Amino acid sequence: MKITTVIGLIAATITTLSFIPQLIKTWKLKETKDISLLMFVTLGVGIILWIVYGFLLWDLPLILANGITFIFVLIILFFKFKYK
């Protein structure tokens, strides 16, 4: 495996996992007033574009990391509306 792929996988893993503390906190506290709806909607659109870009390049780390991150963003947005 090339070093660039390894670095990409490590970066993608760290970035993707960074959403987990927010998910856990939101789920436990059932509080979302401090979460910006616009920020997460904008982030979701950006992530979709990254996924499309990943498919155009057929870059698996890019596709997987952003796919998982997009799921986390959708869960946070679900909580945002559920715990309004």
PDB file of N, CA and C in Angstrom:
ATOM      1  N   MET A   1       0.852  -1.175   0.000  1.00  0.00           N
ATOM      2  CA  MET A   1       0.000   0.000   0.000  1.00  0.00           C
ATOM      3  C   MET A   1       0.899   1.239   0.000  1.00  0.00           C
ATOM      4  N   LYS A   2       0.558   2.199  -0.834  1.00  0.00           N
ATOM      5  CA  LYS A   2       1.352   3.422  -0.930  1.00  0.00           C
ATOM      6  C   LYS A   2       1.188   4.274   0.325  1.00  0.00           C
ATOM      7  N   ILE A   3       2.227   5.029   0.629  1.00  0.00           N
ATOM      8  CA  ILE A   3       2.200   5.912   1.810  1.00  0.00           C
ATOM      9  C   ILE A   3       1.086   6.950   1.681  1.00  0.00           C
ATOM     10  N   THR A   4       0.824   7.429   0.468  1.00  0.00           N
ATOM     11  CA  THR A   4      -0.253   8.413   0.288  1.00  0.00           C
ATOM     12  C   THR A   4      -1.613   7.813   0.637  1.00  0.00           C
ATOM     13  N   THR A   5      -1.802   6.548   0.312  1.00  0.00           N
ATOM     14  CA  THR A   5      -3.059   5.873   0.662  1.00  0.00           C
ATOM     15  C   THR A   5      -3.173   5.694   2.167  1.00  0.00           C
ATOM     16  N   VAL A   6      -2.078   5.327   2.809  1.00  0.00           N
ATOM     17  CA  VAL A   6      -2.070   5.154   4.266  1.00  0.00           C
ATOM     18  C   VAL A   6      -2.395   6.475   4.953  1.00  0.00           C
ATOM     19  N   ILE A   7      -1.751   7.552   4.521  1.00  0.00           N
ATOM     20  CA  ILE A   7      -2.018   8.876   5.103  1.00  0.00           C
ATOM     21  C   ILE A   7      -3.475   9.262   4.878  1.00  0.00           C
ATOM     22  N   GLY A   8      -3.986   9.010   3.682  1.00  0.00           N
ATOM     23  CA  GLY A   8      -5.387   9.308   3.390  1.00  0.00           C
ATOM     24  C   GLY A   8      -6.344   8.532   4.272  1.00  0.00           C
ATOM     25  N   LEU A   9      -6.052   7.268   4.486  1.00  0.00           N
ATOM     26  CA  LEU A   9      -6.904   6.440   5.349  1.00  0.00           C
ATOM     27  C   LEU A   9      -6.869   6.903   6.797  1.00  0.00           C
ATOM     28  N   ILE A  10      -5.688   7.251   7.284  1.00  0.00           N
ATOM     29  CA  ILE A  10      -5.568   7.746   8.665  1.00  0.00           C
ATOM     30  C   ILE A  10      -6.320   9.063   8.820  1.00  0.00           C
ATOM     31  N   ALA A  11      -6.119   9.991   7.878  1.00  0.00           N
ATOM     32  CA  ALA A  11      -6.810  11.285   7.936  1.00  0.00           C
ATOM     33  C   ALA A  11      -8.321  11.096   7.862  1.00  0.00           C
ATOM     34  N   ALA A  12      -8.765  10.237   6.975  1.00  0.00           N
ATOM     35  CA  ALA A  12     -10.197   9.988   6.817  1.00  0.00           C
ATOM     36  C   ALA A  12     -10.796   9.380   8.079  1.00  0.00           C
ATOM     37  N   THR A  13     -10.078   8.466   8.702  1.00  0.00           N
ATOM     38  CA  THR A  13     -10.555   7.832   9.932  1.00  0.00           C
ATOM     39  C   THR A  13     -10.680   8.844  11.057  1.00  0.00           C
ATOM     40  N   ILE A  14      -9.653   9.654  11.252  1.00  0.00           N
ATOM     41  CA  ILE A  14      -9.676  10.656  12.327  1.00  0.00           C
ATOM     42  C   ILE A  14     -10.793  11.662  12.103  1.00  0.00           C
ATOM     43  N   THR A  15     -10.913  12.161  10.880  1.00  0.00           N
ATOM     44  CA  THR A  15     -11.947  13.153  10.573  1.00  0.00           C
ATOM     45  C   THR A  15     -13.341  12.568  10.776  1.00  0.00           C
ATOM     46  N   THR A  16     -13.549  11.356  10.318  1.00  0.00           N
ATOM     47  CA  THR A  16     -14.854  10.712  10.452  1.00  0.00           C
ATOM     48  C   THR A  16     -15.199  10.457  11.915  1.00  0.00           C
ATOM     49  N   LEU A  17     -14.246   9.961  12.671  1.00  0.00           N
ATOM     50  CA  LEU A  17     -14.491   9.667  14.087  1.00  0.00           C
ATOM     51  C   LEU A  17     -14.718  10.926  14.920  1.00  0.00           C
ATOM     52  N   SER A  18     -14.309  12.076  14.415  1.00  0.00           N
ATOM     53  CA  SER A  18     -14.474  13.319  15.178  1.00  0.00           C
ATOM     54  C   SER A  18     -15.946  13.668  15.416  1.00  0.00           C
ATOM     55  N   PHE A  19     -16.855  13.087  14.654  1.00  0.00           N
ATOM     56  CA  PHE A  19     -18.281  13.364  14.836  1.00  0.00           C
ATOM     57  C   PHE A  19     -18.898  12.544  15.967  1.00  0.00           C
ATOM     58  N   ILE A  20     -18.259  11.484  16.366  1.00  0.00           N
ATOM     59  CA  ILE A  20     -18.836  10.584  17.369  1.00  0.00           C
ATOM     60  C   ILE A  20     -19.097  11.266  18.713  1.00  0.00           C
ATOM     61  N   PRO A  21     -18.181  12.089  19.248  1.00  0.00           N
ATOM     62  CA  PRO A  21     -18.495  12.751  20.528  1.00  0.00           C
ATOM     63  C   PRO A  21     -19.760  13.619  20.463  1.00  0.00           C
ATOM     64  N   GLN A  22     -19.964  14.327  19.341  1.00  0.00           N
ATOM     65  CA  GLN A  22     -21.171  15.150  19.202  1.00  0.00           C
ATOM     66  C   GLN A  22     -22.411  14.271  19.139  1.00  0.00           C
ATOM     67  N   LEU A  23     -22.329  13.167  18.432  1.00  0.00           N
ATOM     68  CA  LEU A  23     -23.462  12.239  18.362  1.00  0.00           C
ATOM     69  C   LEU A  23     -23.825  11.705  19.740  1.00  0.00           C
ATOM     70  N   ILE A  24     -22.825  11.279  20.481  1.00  0.00           N
ATOM     71  CA  ILE A  24     -23.062  10.721  21.817  1.00  0.00           C
ATOM     72  C   ILE A  24     -23.638  11.780  22.748  1.00  0.00           C
ATOM     73  N   LYS A  25     -23.054  12.971  22.732  1.00  0.00           N
ATOM     74  CA  LYS A  25     -23.531  14.054  23.601  1.00  0.00           C
ATOM     75  C   LYS A  25     -24.980  14.413  23.276  1.00  0.00           C
ATOM     76  N   THR A  26     -25.285  14.537  21.993  1.00  0.00           N
ATOM     77  CA  THR A  26     -26.644  14.893  21.585  1.00  0.00           C
ATOM     78  C   THR A  26     -27.630  13.798  21.972  1.00  0.00           C
ATOM     79  N   TRP A  27     -27.245  12.557  21.778  1.00  0.00           N
ATOM     80  CA  TRP A  27     -28.118  11.435  22.116  1.00  0.00           C
ATOM     81  C   TRP A  27     -28.376  11.370  23.618  1.00  0.00           C
ATOM     82  N   LYS A  28     -27.328  11.561  24.421  1.00  0.00           N
ATOM     83  CA  LYS A  28     -27.479  11.477  25.877  1.00  0.00           C
ATOM     84  C   LYS A  28     -28.275  12.650  26.440  1.00  0.00           C
ATOM     85  N   LEU A  29     -27.932  13.874  26.008  1.00  0.00           N
ATOM     86  CA  LEU A  29     -28.578  15.067  26.563  1.00  0.00           C
ATOM     87  C   LEU A  29     -29.916  15.388  25.901  1.00  0.00           C
ATOM     88  N   LYS A  30     -30.134  14.871  24.708  1.00  0.00           N
ATOM     89  CA  LYS A  30     -31.346  15.161  23.937  1.00  0.00           C
ATOM     90  C   LYS A  30     -31.549  16.673  23.810  1.00  0.00           C
ATOM     91  N   GLU A  31     -30.451  17.359  23.543  1.00  0.00           N
ATOM     92  CA  GLU A  31     -30.439  18.821  23.442  1.00  0.00           C
ATOM     93  C   GLU A  31     -29.688  19.220  22.176  1.00  0.00           C
ATOM     94  N   THR A  32     -30.340  20.029  21.327  1.00  0.00           N
ATOM     95  CA  THR A  32     -29.707  20.415  20.063  1.00  0.00           C
ATOM     96  C   THR A  32     -29.755  21.915  19.791  1.00  0.00           C
ATOM     97  N   LYS A  33     -30.143  22.708  20.770  1.00  0.00           N
ATOM     98  CA  LYS A  33     -30.292  24.145  20.507  1.00  0.00           C
ATOM     99  C   LYS A  33     -28.979  24.812  20.118  1.00  0.00           C
ATOM    100  N   ASP A  34     -27.856  24.269  20.549  1.00  0.00           N
ATOM    101  CA  ASP A  34     -26.558  24.858  20.222  1.00  0.00           C
ATOM    102  C   ASP A  34     -25.959  24.304  18.930  1.00  0.00           C
ATOM    103  N   ILE A  35     -26.667  23.425  18.261  1.00  0.00           N
ATOM    104  CA  ILE A  35     -26.192  22.875  16.989  1.00  0.00           C
ATOM    105  C   ILE A  35     -26.785  23.701  15.856  1.00  0.00           C
ATOM    106  N   SER A  36     -25.931  24.209  14.993  1.00  0.00           N
ATOM    107  CA  SER A  36     -26.364  25.044  13.880  1.00  0.00           C
ATOM    108  C   SER A  36     -26.924  24.189  12.745  1.00  0.00           C
ATOM    109  N   LEU A  37     -28.197  24.387  12.445  1.00  0.00           N
ATOM    110  CA  LEU A  37     -28.839  23.662  11.353  1.00  0.00           C
ATOM    111  C   LEU A  37     -28.177  24.012  10.024  1.00  0.00           C
ATOM    112  N   LEU A  38     -27.963  25.301   9.784  1.00  0.00           N
ATOM    113  CA  LEU A  38     -27.361  25.739   8.523  1.00  0.00           C
ATOM    114  C   LEU A  38     -25.974  25.132   8.323  1.00  0.00           C
ATOM    115  N   MET A  39     -25.199  25.075   9.393  1.00  0.00           N
ATOM    116  CA  MET A  39     -23.847  24.516   9.292  1.00  0.00           C
ATOM    117  C   MET A  39     -23.894  23.044   8.895  1.00  0.00           C
ATOM    118  N   PHE A  40     -24.781  22.267   9.505  1.00  0.00           N
ATOM    119  CA  PHE A  40     -24.837  20.837   9.199  1.00  0.00           C
ATOM    120  C   PHE A  40     -25.473  20.558   7.843  1.00  0.00           C
ATOM    121  N   VAL A  41     -26.421  21.379   7.414  1.00  0.00           N
ATOM    122  CA  VAL A  41     -26.976  21.225   6.065  1.00  0.00           C
ATOM    123  C   VAL A  41     -25.900  21.547   5.030  1.00  0.00           C
ATOM    124  N   THR A  42     -25.181  22.642   5.244  1.00  0.00           N
ATOM    125  CA  THR A  42     -24.091  23.018   4.338  1.00  0.00           C
ATOM    126  C   THR A  42     -23.015  21.938   4.314  1.00  0.00           C
ATOM    127  N   LEU A  43     -22.658  21.435   5.481  1.00  0.00           N
ATOM    128  CA  LEU A  43     -21.672  20.359   5.573  1.00  0.00           C
ATOM    129  C   LEU A  43     -22.149  19.128   4.805  1.00  0.00           C
ATOM    130  N   GLY A  44     -23.417  18.795   4.952  1.00  0.00           N
ATOM    131  CA  GLY A  44     -23.973  17.642   4.238  1.00  0.00           C
ATOM    132  C   GLY A  44     -23.875  17.788   2.727  1.00  0.00           C
ATOM    133  N   VAL A  45     -24.175  18.977   2.224  1.00  0.00           N
ATOM    134  CA  VAL A  45     -24.059  19.232   0.784  1.00  0.00           C
ATOM    135  C   VAL A  45     -22.601  19.091   0.340  1.00  0.00           C
ATOM    136  N   GLY A  46     -21.691  19.657   1.123  1.00  0.00           N
ATOM    137  CA  GLY A  46     -20.269  19.534   0.808  1.00  0.00           C
ATOM    138  C   GLY A  46     -19.805  18.087   0.797  1.00  0.00           C
ATOM    139  N   ILE A  47     -20.278  17.311   1.751  1.00  0.00           N
ATOM    140  CA  ILE A  47     -19.900  15.895   1.825  1.00  0.00           C
ATOM    141  C   ILE A  47     -20.430  15.127   0.613  1.00  0.00           C
ATOM    142  N   ILE A  48     -21.650  15.428   0.201  1.00  0.00           N
ATOM    143  CA  ILE A  48     -22.189  14.780  -1.002  1.00  0.00           C
ATOM    144  C   ILE A  48     -21.285  15.058  -2.202  1.00  0.00           C
ATOM    145  N   LEU A  49     -20.831  16.298  -2.328  1.00  0.00           N
ATOM    146  CA  LEU A  49     -19.929  16.637  -3.433  1.00  0.00           C
ATOM    147  C   LEU A  49     -18.605  15.891  -3.326  1.00  0.00           C
ATOM    148  N   TRP A  50     -18.085  15.725  -2.093  1.00  0.00           N
ATOM    149  CA  TRP A  50     -16.859  14.943  -1.901  1.00  0.00           C
ATOM    150  C   TRP A  50     -17.073  13.492  -2.320  1.00  0.00           C
ATOM    151  N   ILE A  51     -18.245  12.942  -2.014  1.00  0.00           N
ATOM    152  CA  ILE A  51     -18.549  11.562  -2.402  1.00  0.00           C
ATOM    153  C   ILE A  51     -18.585  11.439  -3.926  1.00  0.00           C
ATOM    154  N   VAL A  52     -19.247  12.380  -4.582  1.00  0.00           N
ATOM    155  CA  VAL A  52     -19.285  12.383  -6.053  1.00  0.00           C
ATOM    156  C   VAL A  52     -17.865  12.469  -6.612  1.00  0.00           C
ATOM    157  N   TYR A  53     -17.073  13.373  -6.071  1.00  0.00           N
ATOM    158  CA  TYR A  53     -15.675  13.527  -6.488  1.00  0.00           C
ATOM    159  C   TYR A  53     -14.903  12.223  -6.278  1.00  0.00           C
ATOM    160  N   GLY A  54     -15.124  11.579  -5.148  1.00  0.00           N
ATOM    161  CA  GLY A  54     -14.478  10.302  -4.870  1.00  0.00           C
ATOM    162  C   GLY A  54     -14.836   9.239  -5.891  1.00  0.00           C
ATOM    163  N   PHE A  55     -16.109   9.201  -6.303  1.00  0.00           N
ATOM    164  CA  PHE A  55     -16.513   8.241  -7.328  1.00  0.00           C
ATOM    165  C   PHE A  55     -15.897   8.578  -8.681  1.00  0.00           C
ATOM    166  N   LEU A  56     -15.803   9.862  -8.994  1.00  0.00           N
ATOM    167  CA  LEU A  56     -15.186  10.257 -10.264  1.00  0.00           C
ATOM    168  C   LEU A  56     -13.724   9.828 -10.334  1.00  0.00           C
ATOM    169  N   LEU A  57     -13.040   9.885  -9.192  1.00  0.00           N
ATOM    170  CA  LEU A  57     -11.633   9.465  -9.130  1.00  0.00           C
ATOM    171  C   LEU A  57     -11.484   7.992  -8.766  1.00  0.00           C
ATOM    172  N   TRP A  58     -12.567   7.375  -8.381  1.00  0.00           N
ATOM    173  CA  TRP A  58     -12.617   6.028  -7.816  1.00  0.00           C
ATOM    174  C   TRP A  58     -11.597   5.908  -6.682  1.00  0.00           C
ATOM    175  N   ASP A  59     -11.734   6.836  -5.724  1.00  0.00           N
ATOM    176  CA  ASP A  59     -10.846   6.914  -4.558  1.00  0.00           C
ATOM    177  C   ASP A  59     -11.607   6.348  -3.359  1.00  0.00           C
ATOM    178  N   LEU A  60     -11.342   5.086  -3.040  1.00  0.00           N
ATOM    179  CA  LEU A  60     -12.094   4.381  -2.004  1.00  0.00           C
ATOM    180  C   LEU A  60     -12.028   5.053  -0.631  1.00  0.00           C
ATOM    181  N   PRO A  61     -10.848   5.485  -0.142  1.00  0.00           N
ATOM    182  CA  PRO A  61     -10.830   6.160   1.162  1.00  0.00           C
ATOM    183  C   PRO A  61     -11.714   7.415   1.188  1.00  0.00           C
ATOM    184  N   LEU A  62     -11.702   8.156   0.107  1.00  0.00           N
ATOM    185  CA  LEU A  62     -12.517   9.372   0.011  1.00  0.00           C
ATOM    186  C   LEU A  62     -14.007   9.032   0.033  1.00  0.00           C
ATOM    187  N   ILE A  63     -14.378   8.010  -0.696  1.00  0.00           N
ATOM    188  CA  ILE A  63     -15.781   7.591  -0.757  1.00  0.00           C
ATOM    189  C   ILE A  63     -16.251   7.061   0.600  1.00  0.00           C
ATOM    190  N   LEU A  64     -15.484   6.172   1.189  1.00  0.00           N
ATOM    191  CA  LEU A  64     -15.889   5.557   2.459  1.00  0.00           C
ATOM    192  C   LEU A  64     -15.947   6.557   3.601  1.00  0.00           C
ATOM    193  N   ALA A  65     -14.899   7.357   3.738  1.00  0.00           N
ATOM    194  CA  ALA A  65     -14.863   8.322   4.840  1.00  0.00           C
ATOM    195  C   ALA A  65     -16.011   9.310   4.744  1.00  0.00           C
ATOM    196  N   ASN A  66     -16.241   9.835   3.558  1.00  0.00           N
ATOM    197  CA  ASN A  66     -17.313  10.812   3.411  1.00  0.00           C
ATOM    198  C   ASN A  66     -18.685  10.163   3.479  1.00  0.00           C
ATOM    199  N   GLY A  67     -18.797   8.919   3.039  1.00  0.00           N
ATOM    200  CA  GLY A  67     -20.065   8.203   3.170  1.00  0.00           C
ATOM    201  C   GLY A  67     -20.446   8.000   4.629  1.00  0.00           C
ATOM    202  N   ILE A  68     -19.484   7.577   5.431  1.00  0.00           N
ATOM    203  CA  ILE A  68     -19.733   7.383   6.865  1.00  0.00           C
ATOM    204  C   ILE A  68     -19.991   8.719   7.550  1.00  0.00           C
ATOM    205  N   THR A  69     -19.197   9.729   7.206  1.00  0.00           N
ATOM    206  CA  THR A  69     -19.394  11.059   7.788  1.00  0.00           C
ATOM    207  C   THR A  69     -20.778  11.592   7.441  1.00  0.00           C
ATOM    208  N   PHE A  70     -21.229  11.362   6.211  1.00  0.00           N
ATOM    209  CA  PHE A  70     -22.557  11.814   5.804  1.00  0.00           C
ATOM    210  C   PHE A  70     -23.641  11.144   6.648  1.00  0.00           C
ATOM    211  N   ILE A  71     -23.473   9.878   6.951  1.00  0.00           N
ATOM    212  CA  ILE A  71     -24.425   9.180   7.825  1.00  0.00           C
ATOM    213  C   ILE A  71     -24.451   9.838   9.204  1.00  0.00           C
ATOM    214  N   PHE A  72     -23.274  10.167   9.746  1.00  0.00           N
ATOM    215  CA  PHE A  72     -23.211  10.848  11.044  1.00  0.00           C
ATOM    216  C   PHE A  72     -23.921  12.203  10.987  1.00  0.00           C
ATOM    217  N   VAL A  73     -23.713  12.947   9.902  1.00  0.00           N
ATOM    218  CA  VAL A  73     -24.371  14.248   9.744  1.00  0.00           C
ATOM    219  C   VAL A  73     -25.887  14.060   9.679  1.00  0.00           C
ATOM    220  N   LEU A  74     -26.343  13.052   8.954  1.00  0.00           N
ATOM    221  CA  LEU A  74     -27.788  12.786   8.891  1.00  0.00           C
ATOM    222  C   LEU A  74     -28.359  12.453  10.265  1.00  0.00           C
ATOM    223  N   ILE A  75     -27.622  11.696  11.055  1.00  0.00           N
ATOM    224  CA  ILE A  75     -28.086  11.358  12.410  1.00  0.00           C
ATOM    225  C   ILE A  75     -28.178  12.617  13.266  1.00  0.00           C
ATOM    226  N   ILE A  76     -27.170  13.475  13.189  1.00  0.00           N
ATOM    227  CA  ILE A  76     -27.204  14.725  13.953  1.00  0.00           C
ATOM    228  C   ILE A  76     -28.375  15.590  13.494  1.00  0.00           C
ATOM    229  N   LEU A  77     -28.620  15.664  12.186  1.00  0.00           N
ATOM    230  CA  LEU A  77     -29.769  16.431  11.688  1.00  0.00           C
ATOM    231  C   LEU A  77     -31.085  15.806  12.153  1.00  0.00           C
ATOM    232  N   PHE A  78     -31.161  14.483  12.193  1.00  0.00           N
ATOM    233  CA  PHE A  78     -32.344  13.804  12.721  1.00  0.00           C
ATOM    234  C   PHE A  78     -32.576  14.216  14.172  1.00  0.00           C
ATOM    235  N   PHE A  79     -31.508  14.185  14.976  1.00  0.00           N
ATOM    236  CA  PHE A  79     -31.611  14.609  16.377  1.00  0.00           C
ATOM    237  C   PHE A  79     -32.036  16.072  16.471  1.00  0.00           C
ATOM    238  N   LYS A  80     -31.521  16.900  15.571  1.00  0.00           N
ATOM    239  CA  LYS A  80     -31.847  18.335  15.583  1.00  0.00           C
ATOM    240  C   LYS A  80     -33.359  18.526  15.470  1.00  0.00           C
ATOM    241  N   PHE A  81     -34.001  17.759  14.610  1.00  0.00           N
ATOM    242  CA  PHE A  81     -35.448  17.896  14.448  1.00  0.00           C
ATOM    243  C   PHE A  81     -36.222  17.134  15.521  1.00  0.00           C
ATOM    244  N   LYS A  82     -35.706  16.001  15.942  1.00  0.00           N
ATOM    245  CA  LYS A  82     -36.397  15.197  16.957  1.00  0.00           C
ATOM    246  C   LYS A  82     -36.425  15.900  18.311  1.00  0.00           C
ATOM    247  N   TYR A  83     -35.318  16.512  18.704  1.00  0.00           N
ATOM    248  CA  TYR A  83     -35.205  17.126  20.030  1.00  0.00           C
ATOM    249  C   TYR A  83     -35.387  18.636  19.986  1.00  0.00           C
ATOM    250  N   LYS A  84     -36.114  19.119  19.008  1.00  0.00           N
ATOM    251  CA  LYS A  84     -36.344  20.552  18.830  1.00  0.00           C
ATOM    252  C   LYS A  84     -37.044  21.151  20.024  1.00  0.00           C
TER     253      LYS A  84
END
